[in-house]
C-alpha cells in the first residue's frame, strides 16, 4: 500500500552558506529564500548558543549585527522553522 502527497504550491528552500555584510549591497544579509511557505521562523545563534537574531518575516535577513554592533567573522548556527 502506498500513500502519495502532492505539495501545492511547490516547496523550494535555498539557504546560502556565507554572506558578506560589508556594505557593498551584494550578499549583505543572511536569509533563506523560500517558496511555498506560509508560516516561518528564522533564528541565528552564536557558537555558545546565544540567540543573536530572530524574525518571522521572510523579507528580513540578518545583517551581521547584534544590538547595532557588527559581529566578528565566525561560525554561526541557524534554525529555520516553516510550514
Protein backbone atom coordinates (compact mmCIF):
# COMPACT_ATOMS: atom_id res chain seq x y z
CA UNK A 1 0.00 0.00 0.00
CA UNK A 2 1.31 3.46 -0.87
CA UNK A 3 0.26 6.96 0.07
CA UNK A 4 1.12 9.99 -2.03
CA UNK A 5 1.10 13.63 -1.04
CA UNK A 6 1.24 16.43 -3.55
CA UNK A 7 2.69 19.71 -2.32
CA UNK A 8 0.89 22.68 -3.88
CA UNK A 9 2.41 25.17 -4.44
CA UNK A 10 5.79 23.53 -4.80
CA UNK A 11 8.10 23.93 -1.84
CA UNK A 12 11.52 25.39 -2.54
CA UNK A 13 14.17 26.34 0.02
CA UNK A 14 17.62 27.80 -0.58
CA UNK A 15 19.93 28.71 2.31
CA UNK A 16 23.27 30.31 1.46
CA UNK A 17 26.42 29.07 3.20
CA UNK A 18 28.04 32.51 3.57
CA UNK A 19 27.37 36.24 3.30
CA UNK A 20 29.42 39.43 3.29
CA UNK A 21 27.87 42.22 5.39
CA UNK A 22 30.41 44.80 4.23
CA UNK A 23 28.08 47.48 2.85
CA UNK A 24 28.67 46.81 -0.86
CA UNK A 25 24.99 45.85 -1.39
CA UNK A 26 25.98 42.34 -2.55
CA UNK A 27 25.11 39.48 -0.15
CA UNK A 28 24.79 41.91 2.77
CA UNK A 29 22.16 39.89 4.65
CA UNK A 30 21.85 36.23 5.52
CA UNK A 31 18.40 34.78 4.97
CA UNK A 32 16.76 31.72 3.50
CA UNK A 33 14.95 32.09 0.17
CA UNK A 34 11.64 30.24 0.43
CA UNK A 35 8.76 29.48 -1.91
CA UNK A 36 5.53 27.79 -0.87
CA UNK A 37 5.95 28.60 2.84
CA UNK A 38 3.21 30.38 4.79
CA UNK A 39 4.48 30.19 8.38
CA UNK A 40 8.13 30.92 9.05
CA UNK A 41 10.61 31.47 11.88
CA UNK A 42 14.32 32.13 11.39
CA UNK A 43 16.91 32.26 14.19
CA UNK A 44 20.68 32.81 14.28
CA UNK A 45 22.82 31.76 17.26
CA UNK A 46 26.46 32.28 18.14
CA UNK A 47 28.74 29.32 18.87
CA UNK A 48 27.73 29.37 22.56
CA UNK A 49 24.04 29.12 21.76
CA UNK A 50 23.08 32.75 22.43
CA UNK A 51 20.29 33.87 20.13
CA UNK A 52 21.50 36.90 18.21
CA UNK A 53 18.77 37.28 15.59
CA UNK A 54 15.18 36.20 15.01
CA UNK A 55 12.41 37.04 12.57
CA UNK A 56 9.18 35.66 11.19
CA UNK A 57 9.24 37.97 8.16
CA UNK A 58 10.58 36.21 5.04
CA UNK A 59 11.79 39.55 3.64
CA UNK A 60 14.08 40.33 6.58
CA UNK A 61 17.52 38.76 6.99
CA UNK A 62 20.35 39.01 9.49
CA UNK A 63 22.72 41.89 8.71
CA UNK A 64 25.63 40.52 10.76
CA UNK A 65 24.96 42.80 13.72
CA UNK A 66 23.90 42.31 17.33
CA UNK A 67 22.28 45.29 19.04
CA UNK A 68 23.68 47.57 16.32
CA UNK A 69 27.26 46.33 16.66
CA UNK A 70 28.96 44.35 13.89
CA UNK A 71 29.61 40.73 14.91
CA UNK A 72 33.02 39.24 14.30
CA UNK A 73 33.69 36.85 11.45
CA UNK A 74 32.97 33.47 12.98
CA UNK A 75 30.83 30.35 12.76
CA UNK A 76 27.13 30.85 13.50
CA UNK A 77 24.27 28.38 13.72
CA UNK A 78 20.82 28.96 12.28
CA UNK A 79 17.40 27.39 12.74
CA UNK A 80 14.58 27.64 10.22
CA UNK A 81 11.04 26.55 11.10
CA UNK A 82 8.43 26.61 8.36
CA UNK A 83 5.08 25.22 7.32
